[in-house]
Amino acid sequence: MYRAAGYVFLRGHAGSTGRAVRAYFTHPVMLTGFAVILAVPAALLAARLLGFSPSTQVLTAAETIAANLCWLPPLVGWISEQNRSRQ
């Protein structure tokens, strides 16, 4: 839902769908969020295919912690703002 809301926000400011899509895929926070959406399920699938099975609550918790990358888009936004303010 967060990514759709970001697109709707950019669509309102860009004025057209094409410009909104370009803005979405050039915005560092949106791009990071999109990468997280793709990477987490792929990594969990790879772990399952390699034989990982969370058979205990500790392993389930470890898997959940490893897959929780919700902190990454705000971090990228903060870093990009820091870089922008230094220029």
PDB file of N, CA and C in Angstrom:
ATOM      1  N   MET A   1       0.817  -1.186   0.000  1.00  0.00           N
ATOM      2  CA  MET A   1       0.000   0.000   0.000  1.00  0.00           C
ATOM      3  C   MET A   1       0.867   1.259   0.000  1.00  0.00           C
ATOM      4  N   TYR A   2       1.974   1.222   0.725  1.00  0.00           N
ATOM      5  CA  TYR A   2       2.845   2.394   0.824  1.00  0.00           C
ATOM      6  C   TYR A   2       3.355   2.796  -0.550  1.00  0.00           C
ATOM      7  N   ARG A   3       3.746   1.837  -1.368  1.00  0.00           N
ATOM      8  CA  ARG A   3       4.285   2.151  -2.689  1.00  0.00           C
ATOM      9  C   ARG A   3       3.203   2.741  -3.580  1.00  0.00           C
ATOM     10  N   ALA A   4       1.990   2.249  -3.490  1.00  0.00           N
ATOM     11  CA  ALA A   4       0.895   2.809  -4.280  1.00  0.00           C
ATOM     12  C   ALA A   4       0.615   4.239  -3.841  1.00  0.00           C
ATOM     13  N   ALA A   5       0.671   4.495  -2.554  1.00  0.00           N
ATOM     14  CA  ALA A   5       0.437   5.855  -2.052  1.00  0.00           C
ATOM     15  C   ALA A   5       1.541   6.790  -2.546  1.00  0.00           C
ATOM     16  N   GLY A   6       2.764   6.311  -2.606  1.00  0.00           N
ATOM     17  CA  GLY A   6       3.863   7.115  -3.125  1.00  0.00           C
ATOM     18  C   GLY A   6       3.665   7.454  -4.590  1.00  0.00           C
ATOM     19  N   TYR A   7       3.172   6.479  -5.361  1.00  0.00           N
ATOM     20  CA  TYR A   7       2.898   6.732  -6.773  1.00  0.00           C
ATOM     21  C   TYR A   7       1.767   7.751  -6.928  1.00  0.00           C
ATOM     22  N   VAL A   8       0.728   7.601  -6.142  1.00  0.00           N
ATOM     23  CA  VAL A   8      -0.402   8.546  -6.212  1.00  0.00           C
ATOM     24  C   VAL A   8       0.089   9.952  -5.871  1.00  0.00           C
ATOM     25  N   PHE A   9       0.933  10.071  -4.884  1.00  0.00           N
ATOM     26  CA  PHE A   9       1.503  11.366  -4.521  1.00  0.00           C
ATOM     27  C   PHE A   9       2.301  11.945  -5.687  1.00  0.00           C
ATOM     28  N   LEU A  10       3.165  11.133  -6.279  1.00  0.00           N
ATOM     29  CA  LEU A  10       3.972  11.611  -7.398  1.00  0.00           C
ATOM     30  C   LEU A  10       3.106  11.921  -8.615  1.00  0.00           C
ATOM     31  N   ARG A  11       2.056  11.152  -8.816  1.00  0.00           N
ATOM     32  CA  ARG A  11       1.141  11.382  -9.941  1.00  0.00           C
ATOM     33  C   ARG A  11       0.459  12.740  -9.797  1.00  0.00           C
ATOM     34  N   GLY A  12       0.105  13.091  -8.594  1.00  0.00           N
ATOM     35  CA  GLY A  12      -0.527  14.391  -8.365  1.00  0.00           C
ATOM     36  C   GLY A  12       0.406  15.555  -8.651  1.00  0.00           C
ATOM     37  N   HIS A  13       1.680  15.375  -8.360  1.00  0.00           N
ATOM     38  CA  HIS A  13       2.646  16.447  -8.577  1.00  0.00           C
ATOM     39  C   HIS A  13       3.183  16.477  -9.997  1.00  0.00           C
ATOM     40  N   ALA A  14       3.285  15.307 -10.644  1.00  0.00           N
ATOM     41  CA  ALA A  14       3.856  15.248 -11.987  1.00  0.00           C
ATOM     42  C   ALA A  14       2.866  15.704 -13.052  1.00  0.00           C
ATOM     43  N   GLY A  15       1.596  15.429 -12.868  1.00  0.00           N
ATOM     44  CA  GLY A  15       0.598  15.863 -13.826  1.00  0.00           C
ATOM     45  C   GLY A  15       0.289  14.869 -14.924  1.00  0.00           C
ATOM     46  N   SER A  16       1.148  13.872 -15.127  1.00  0.00           N
ATOM     47  CA  SER A  16       0.870  12.845 -16.137  1.00  0.00           C
ATOM     48  C   SER A  16       1.416  11.508 -15.643  1.00  0.00           C
ATOM     49  N   THR A  17       0.869  10.454 -16.203  1.00  0.00           N
ATOM     50  CA  THR A  17       1.278   9.116 -15.777  1.00  0.00           C
ATOM     51  C   THR A  17       2.732   8.829 -16.133  1.00  0.00           C
ATOM     52  N   GLY A  18       3.139   9.201 -17.325  1.00  0.00           N
ATOM     53  CA  GLY A  18       4.522   8.950 -17.760  1.00  0.00           C
ATOM     54  C   GLY A  18       5.545   9.640 -16.875  1.00  0.00           C
ATOM     55  N   ARG A  19       5.287  10.913 -16.573  1.00  0.00           N
ATOM     56  CA  ARG A  19       6.210  11.639 -15.690  1.00  0.00           C
ATOM     57  C   ARG A  19       6.197  11.074 -14.283  1.00  0.00           C
ATOM     58  N   ALA A  20       5.030  10.602 -13.833  1.00  0.00           N
ATOM     59  CA  ALA A  20       4.939  10.017 -12.493  1.00  0.00           C
ATOM     60  C   ALA A  20       5.734   8.720 -12.410  1.00  0.00           C
ATOM     61  N   VAL A  21       5.666   7.890 -13.444  1.00  0.00           N
ATOM     62  CA  VAL A  21       6.429   6.635 -13.455  1.00  0.00           C
ATOM     63  C   VAL A  21       7.922   6.938 -13.484  1.00  0.00           C
ATOM     64  N   ARG A  22       8.338   7.906 -14.313  1.00  0.00           N
ATOM     65  CA  ARG A  22       9.760   8.292 -14.333  1.00  0.00           C
ATOM     66  C   ARG A  22      10.207   8.826 -12.979  1.00  0.00           C
ATOM     67  N   ALA A  23       9.371   9.649 -12.365  1.00  0.00           N
ATOM     68  CA  ALA A  23       9.718  10.191 -11.048  1.00  0.00           C
ATOM     69  C   ALA A  23       9.800   9.083 -10.014  1.00  0.00           C
ATOM     70  N   TYR A  24       8.900   8.106 -10.099  1.00  0.00           N
ATOM     71  CA  TYR A  24       8.891   6.988  -9.153  1.00  0.00           C
ATOM     72  C   TYR A  24      10.199   6.211  -9.234  1.00  0.00           C
ATOM     73  N   PHE A  25      10.633   5.901 -10.461  1.00  0.00           N
ATOM     74  CA  PHE A  25      11.824   5.074 -10.621  1.00  0.00           C
ATOM     75  C   PHE A  25      13.124   5.860 -10.595  1.00  0.00           C
ATOM     76  N   THR A  26      13.065   7.160 -10.385  1.00  0.00           N
ATOM     77  CA  THR A  26      14.286   7.936 -10.165  1.00  0.00           C
ATOM     78  C   THR A  26      14.361   8.465  -8.733  1.00  0.00           C
ATOM     79  N   HIS A  27      13.279   8.342  -7.988  1.00  0.00           N
ATOM     80  CA  HIS A  27      13.264   8.782  -6.591  1.00  0.00           C
ATOM     81  C   HIS A  27      13.947   7.704  -5.745  1.00  0.00           C
ATOM     82  N   PRO A  28      14.997   8.040  -4.996  1.00  0.00           N
ATOM     83  CA  PRO A  28      15.754   7.011  -4.278  1.00  0.00           C
ATOM     84  C   PRO A  28      14.932   6.221  -3.254  1.00  0.00           C
ATOM     85  N   VAL A  29      14.016   6.875  -2.569  1.00  0.00           N
ATOM     86  CA  VAL A  29      13.219   6.176  -1.554  1.00  0.00           C
ATOM     87  C   VAL A  29      12.248   5.200  -2.220  1.00  0.00           C
ATOM     88  N   MET A  30      11.585   5.637  -3.281  1.00  0.00           N
ATOM     89  CA  MET A  30      10.642   4.771  -3.988  1.00  0.00           C
ATOM     90  C   MET A  30      11.365   3.588  -4.625  1.00  0.00           C
ATOM     91  N   LEU A  31      12.520   3.854  -5.201  1.00  0.00           N
ATOM     92  CA  LEU A  31      13.300   2.793  -5.831  1.00  0.00           C
ATOM     93  C   LEU A  31      13.770   1.772  -4.795  1.00  0.00           C
ATOM     94  N   THR A  32      14.183   2.242  -3.641  1.00  0.00           N
ATOM     95  CA  THR A  32      14.597   1.333  -2.571  1.00  0.00           C
ATOM     96  C   THR A  32      13.421   0.501  -2.085  1.00  0.00           C
ATOM     97  N   GLY A  33      12.271   1.122  -1.914  1.00  0.00           N
ATOM     98  CA  GLY A  33      11.087   0.384  -1.501  1.00  0.00           C
ATOM     99  C   GLY A  33      10.694  -0.669  -2.519  1.00  0.00           C
ATOM    100  N   PHE A  34      10.799  -0.337  -3.806  1.00  0.00           N
ATOM    101  CA  PHE A  34      10.499  -1.300  -4.860  1.00  0.00           C
ATOM    102  C   PHE A  34      11.482  -2.468  -4.816  1.00  0.00           C
ATOM    103  N   ALA A  35      12.754  -2.171  -4.585  1.00  0.00           N
ATOM    104  CA  ALA A  35      13.760  -3.234  -4.477  1.00  0.00           C
ATOM    105  C   ALA A  35      13.483  -4.136  -3.279  1.00  0.00           C
ATOM    106  N   VAL A  36      13.057  -3.563  -2.162  1.00  0.00           N
ATOM    107  CA  VAL A  36      12.721  -4.358  -0.979  1.00  0.00           C
ATOM    108  C   VAL A  36      11.541  -5.270  -1.279  1.00  0.00           C
ATOM    109  N   ILE A  37      10.530  -4.729  -1.985  1.00  0.00           N
ATOM    110  CA  ILE A  37       9.357  -5.531  -2.329  1.00  0.00           C
ATOM    111  C   ILE A  37       9.751  -6.739  -3.171  1.00  0.00           C
ATOM    112  N   LEU A  38      10.731  -6.572  -4.048  1.00  0.00           N
ATOM    113  CA  LEU A  38      11.178  -7.680  -4.885  1.00  0.00           C
ATOM    114  C   LEU A  38      12.176  -8.594  -4.181  1.00  0.00           C
ATOM    115  N   ALA A  39      13.050  -8.023  -3.376  1.00  0.00           N
ATOM    116  CA  ALA A  39      14.144  -8.789  -2.791  1.00  0.00           C
ATOM    117  C   ALA A  39      13.706  -9.710  -1.662  1.00  0.00           C
ATOM    118  N   VAL A  40      12.814  -9.256  -0.809  1.00  0.00           N
ATOM    119  CA  VAL A  40      12.435 -10.064   0.359  1.00  0.00           C
ATOM    120  C   VAL A  40      11.775 -11.381  -0.039  1.00  0.00           C
ATOM    121  N   PRO A  41      10.756 -11.377  -0.893  1.00  0.00           N
ATOM    122  CA  PRO A  41      10.179 -12.669  -1.283  1.00  0.00           C
ATOM    123  C   PRO A  41      11.169 -13.563  -2.028  1.00  0.00           C
ATOM    124  N   ALA A  42      12.025 -12.957  -2.863  1.00  0.00           N
ATOM    125  CA  ALA A  42      13.026 -13.747  -3.582  1.00  0.00           C
ATOM    126  C   ALA A  42      14.014 -14.395  -2.605  1.00  0.00           C
ATOM    127  N   ALA A  43      14.431 -13.645  -1.597  1.00  0.00           N
ATOM    128  CA  ALA A  43      15.368 -14.193  -0.611  1.00  0.00           C
ATOM    129  C   ALA A  43      14.714 -15.285   0.232  1.00  0.00           C
ATOM    130  N   LEU A  44      13.457 -15.088   0.610  1.00  0.00           N
ATOM    131  CA  LEU A  44      12.765 -16.126   1.373  1.00  0.00           C
ATOM    132  C   LEU A  44      12.569 -17.386   0.538  1.00  0.00           C
ATOM    133  N   LEU A  45      12.247 -17.226  -0.743  1.00  0.00           N
ATOM    134  CA  LEU A  45      12.112 -18.384  -1.627  1.00  0.00           C
ATOM    135  C   LEU A  45      13.446 -19.103  -1.775  1.00  0.00           C
ATOM    136  N   ALA A  46      14.514 -18.344  -1.960  1.00  0.00           N
ATOM    137  CA  ALA A  46      15.843 -18.952  -2.078  1.00  0.00           C
ATOM    138  C   ALA A  46      16.209 -19.716  -0.814  1.00  0.00           C
ATOM    139  N   ALA A  47      15.898 -19.153   0.336  1.00  0.00           N
ATOM    140  CA  ALA A  47      16.194 -19.844   1.597  1.00  0.00           C
ATOM    141  C   ALA A  47      15.425 -21.158   1.690  1.00  0.00           C
ATOM    142  N   ARG A  48      14.166 -21.140   1.275  1.00  0.00           N
ATOM    143  CA  ARG A  48      13.366 -22.375   1.294  1.00  0.00           C
ATOM    144  C   ARG A  48      13.917 -23.410   0.320  1.00  0.00           C
ATOM    145  N   LEU A  49      14.297 -22.957  -0.872  1.00  0.00           N
ATOM    146  CA  LEU A  49      14.838 -23.877  -1.873  1.00  0.00           C
ATOM    147  C   LEU A  49      16.181 -24.463  -1.448  1.00  0.00           C
ATOM    148  N   LEU A  50      16.916 -23.715  -0.652  1.00  0.00           N
ATOM    149  CA  LEU A  50      18.199 -24.218  -0.137  1.00  0.00           C
ATOM    150  C   LEU A  50      18.034 -25.083   1.100  1.00  0.00           C
ATOM    151  N   GLY A  51      16.796 -25.262   1.547  1.00  0.00           N
ATOM    152  CA  GLY A  51      16.544 -26.188   2.637  1.00  0.00           C
ATOM    153  C   GLY A  51      16.272 -25.568   3.987  1.00  0.00           C
ATOM    154  N   PHE A  52      16.261 -24.253   4.088  1.00  0.00           N
ATOM    155  CA  PHE A  52      15.982 -23.631   5.383  1.00  0.00           C
ATOM    156  C   PHE A  52      14.509 -23.784   5.713  1.00  0.00           C
ATOM    157  N   SER A  53      14.260 -24.256   6.907  1.00  0.00           N
ATOM    158  CA  SER A  53      12.885 -24.375   7.378  1.00  0.00           C
ATOM    159  C   SER A  53      12.852 -23.931   8.834  1.00  0.00           C
ATOM    160  N   PRO A  54      12.105 -22.876   9.128  1.00  0.00           N
ATOM    161  CA  PRO A  54      12.078 -22.405  10.516  1.00  0.00           C
ATOM    162  C   PRO A  54      11.259 -23.351  11.395  1.00  0.00           C
ATOM    163  N   SER A  55      11.954 -24.329  11.964  1.00  0.00           N
ATOM    164  CA  SER A  55      11.265 -25.368  12.738  1.00  0.00           C
ATOM    165  C   SER A  55      11.074 -24.992  14.206  1.00  0.00           C
ATOM    166  N   THR A  56      11.688 -23.911  14.637  1.00  0.00           N
ATOM    167  CA  THR A  56      11.501 -23.454  16.012  1.00  0.00           C
ATOM    168  C   THR A  56      11.072 -21.990  15.996  1.00  0.00           C
ATOM    169  N   GLN A  57      10.591 -21.520  17.118  1.00  0.00           N
ATOM    170  CA  GLN A  57      10.184 -20.120  17.195  1.00  0.00           C
ATOM    171  C   GLN A  57      11.374 -19.180  17.057  1.00  0.00           C
ATOM    172  N   VAL A  58      12.537 -19.623  17.507  1.00  0.00           N
ATOM    173  CA  VAL A  58      13.737 -18.794  17.393  1.00  0.00           C
ATOM    174  C   VAL A  58      14.104 -18.620  15.922  1.00  0.00           C
ATOM    175  N   LEU A  59      14.046 -19.697  15.138  1.00  0.00           N
ATOM    176  CA  LEU A  59      14.354 -19.587  13.716  1.00  0.00           C
ATOM    177  C   LEU A  59      13.301 -18.765  12.972  1.00  0.00           C
ATOM    178  N   THR A  60      12.048 -18.894  13.367  1.00  0.00           N
ATOM    179  CA  THR A  60      10.992 -18.089  12.760  1.00  0.00           C
ATOM    180  C   THR A  60      11.221 -16.613  13.069  1.00  0.00           C
ATOM    181  N   ALA A  61      11.588 -16.310  14.297  1.00  0.00           N
ATOM    182  CA  ALA A  61      11.882 -14.920  14.672  1.00  0.00           C
ATOM    183  C   ALA A  61      13.094 -14.400  13.908  1.00  0.00           C
ATOM    184  N   ALA A  62      14.127 -15.221  13.758  1.00  0.00           N
ATOM    185  CA  ALA A  62      15.321 -14.805  13.018  1.00  0.00           C
ATOM    186  C   ALA A  62      14.974 -14.529  11.553  1.00  0.00           C
ATOM    187  N   GLU A  63      14.146 -15.370  10.965  1.00  0.00           N
ATOM    188  CA  GLU A  63      13.724 -15.164   9.583  1.00  0.00           C
ATOM    189  C   GLU A  63      12.929 -13.870   9.439  1.00  0.00           C
ATOM    190  N   THR A  64      12.052 -13.602  10.385  1.00  0.00           N
ATOM    191  CA  THR A  64      11.240 -12.388  10.353  1.00  0.00           C
ATOM    192  C   THR A  64      12.113 -11.148  10.495  1.00  0.00           C
ATOM    193  N   ILE A  65      13.058 -11.187  11.395  1.00  0.00           N
ATOM    194  CA  ILE A  65      13.969 -10.060  11.590  1.00  0.00           C
ATOM    195  C   ILE A  65      14.803  -9.822  10.341  1.00  0.00           C
ATOM    196  N   ALA A  66      15.280 -10.892   9.721  1.00  0.00           N
ATOM    197  CA  ALA A  66      16.096 -10.756   8.509  1.00  0.00           C
ATOM    198  C   ALA A  66      15.277 -10.192   7.342  1.00  0.00           C
ATOM    199  N   ALA A  67      14.000 -10.542   7.278  1.00  0.00           N
ATOM    200  CA  ALA A  67      13.156 -10.081   6.176  1.00  0.00           C
ATOM    201  C   ALA A  67      12.590  -8.685   6.393  1.00  0.00           C
ATOM    202  N   ASN A  68      12.708  -8.159   7.597  1.00  0.00           N
ATOM    203  CA  ASN A  68      12.122  -6.851   7.906  1.00  0.00           C
ATOM    204  C   ASN A  68      13.079  -5.746   7.476  1.00  0.00           C
ATOM    205  N   LEU A  69      12.900  -5.297   6.262  1.00  0.00           N
ATOM    206  CA  LEU A  69      13.758  -4.243   5.719  1.00  0.00           C
ATOM    207  C   LEU A  69      13.020  -2.917   5.589  1.00  0.00           C
ATOM    208  N   CYS A  70      11.998  -2.714   6.425  1.00  0.00           N
ATOM    209  CA  CYS A  70      11.202  -1.487   6.332  1.00  0.00           C
ATOM    210  C   CYS A  70      12.014  -0.256   6.702  1.00  0.00           C
ATOM    211  N   TRP A  71      13.134  -0.418   7.351  1.00  0.00           N
ATOM    212  CA  TRP A  71      13.980   0.694   7.739  1.00  0.00           C
ATOM    213  C   TRP A  71      14.827   1.202   6.579  1.00  0.00           C
ATOM    214  N   LEU A  72      14.948   0.417   5.519  1.00  0.00           N
ATOM    215  CA  LEU A  72      15.844   0.768   4.430  1.00  0.00           C
ATOM    216  C   LEU A  72      15.402   2.004   3.625  1.00  0.00           C
ATOM    217  N   PRO A  73      14.136   2.119   3.172  1.00  0.00           N
ATOM    218  CA  PRO A  73      13.761   3.344   2.436  1.00  0.00           C
ATOM    219  C   PRO A  73      13.943   4.642   3.230  1.00  0.00           C
ATOM    220  N   PRO A  74      13.549   4.705   4.508  1.00  0.00           N
ATOM    221  CA  PRO A  74      13.829   5.951   5.238  1.00  0.00           C
ATOM    222  C   PRO A  74      15.321   6.249   5.382  1.00  0.00           C
ATOM    223  N   LEU A  75      16.127   5.208   5.531  1.00  0.00           N
ATOM    224  CA  LEU A  75      17.574   5.417   5.615  1.00  0.00           C
ATOM    225  C   LEU A  75      18.110   6.001   4.316  1.00  0.00           C
ATOM    226  N   VAL A  76      17.676   5.459   3.193  1.00  0.00           N
ATOM    227  CA  VAL A  76      18.116   5.979   1.893  1.00  0.00           C
ATOM    228  C   VAL A  76      17.653   7.425   1.724  1.00  0.00           C
ATOM    229  N   GLY A  77      16.425   7.726   2.156  1.00  0.00           N
ATOM    230  CA  GLY A  77      15.941   9.102   2.091  1.00  0.00           C
ATOM    231  C   GLY A  77      16.776  10.036   2.940  1.00  0.00           C
ATOM    232  N   TRP A  78      17.119   9.605   4.122  1.00  0.00           N
ATOM    233  CA  TRP A  78      17.938  10.431   5.009  1.00  0.00           C
ATOM    234  C   TRP A  78      19.314  10.667   4.406  1.00  0.00           C
ATOM    235  N   ILE A  79      19.930   9.608   3.857  1.00  0.00           N
ATOM    236  CA  ILE A  79      21.258   9.739   3.247  1.00  0.00           C
ATOM    237  C   ILE A  79      21.198  10.662   2.036  1.00  0.00           C
ATOM    238  N   SER A  80      20.166  10.518   1.205  1.00  0.00           N
ATOM    239  CA  SER A  80      20.076  11.393   0.031  1.00  0.00           C
ATOM    240  C   SER A  80      19.852  12.849   0.439  1.00  0.00           C
ATOM    241  N   GLU A  81      19.092  13.083   1.497  1.00  0.00           N
ATOM    242  CA  GLU A  81      18.912  14.457   1.984  1.00  0.00           C
ATOM    243  C   GLU A  81      20.218  15.010   2.548  1.00  0.00           C
ATOM    244  N   GLN A  82      20.969  14.177   3.240  1.00  0.00           N
ATOM    245  CA  GLN A  82      22.262  14.625   3.762  1.00  0.00           C
ATOM    246  C   GLN A  82      23.203  14.987   2.619  1.00  0.00           C
ATOM    247  N   ASN A  83      23.226  14.154   1.582  1.00  0.00           N
ATOM    248  CA  ASN A  83      24.092  14.435   0.416  1.00  0.00           C
ATOM    249  C   ASN A  83      23.627  15.693  -0.303  1.00  0.00           C
ATOM    250  N   ARG A  84      22.336  15.884  -0.419  1.00  0.00           N
ATOM    251  CA  ARG A  84      21.793  17.063  -1.107  1.00  0.00           C
ATOM    252  C   ARG A  84      22.111  18.332  -0.337  1.00  0.00           C
ATOM    253  N   SER A  85      22.074  18.278   0.993  1.00  0.00           N
ATOM    254  CA  SER A  85      22.341  19.468   1.793  1.00  0.00           C
ATOM    255  C   SER A  85      23.827  19.829   1.787  1.00  0.00           C
ATOM    256  N   ARG A  86      24.687  18.878   1.528  1.00  0.00           N
ATOM    257  CA  ARG A  86      26.131  19.142   1.477  1.00  0.00           C
ATOM    258  C   ARG A  86      26.552  19.780   0.156  1.00  0.00           C
ATOM    259  N   GLN A  87      25.752  19.631  -0.873  1.00  0.00           N
ATOM    260  CA  GLN A  87      26.121  20.153  -2.195  1.00  0.00           C
ATOM    261  C   GLN A  87      25.841  21.611  -2.334  1.00  0.00           C
TER     262      GLN A  87
END
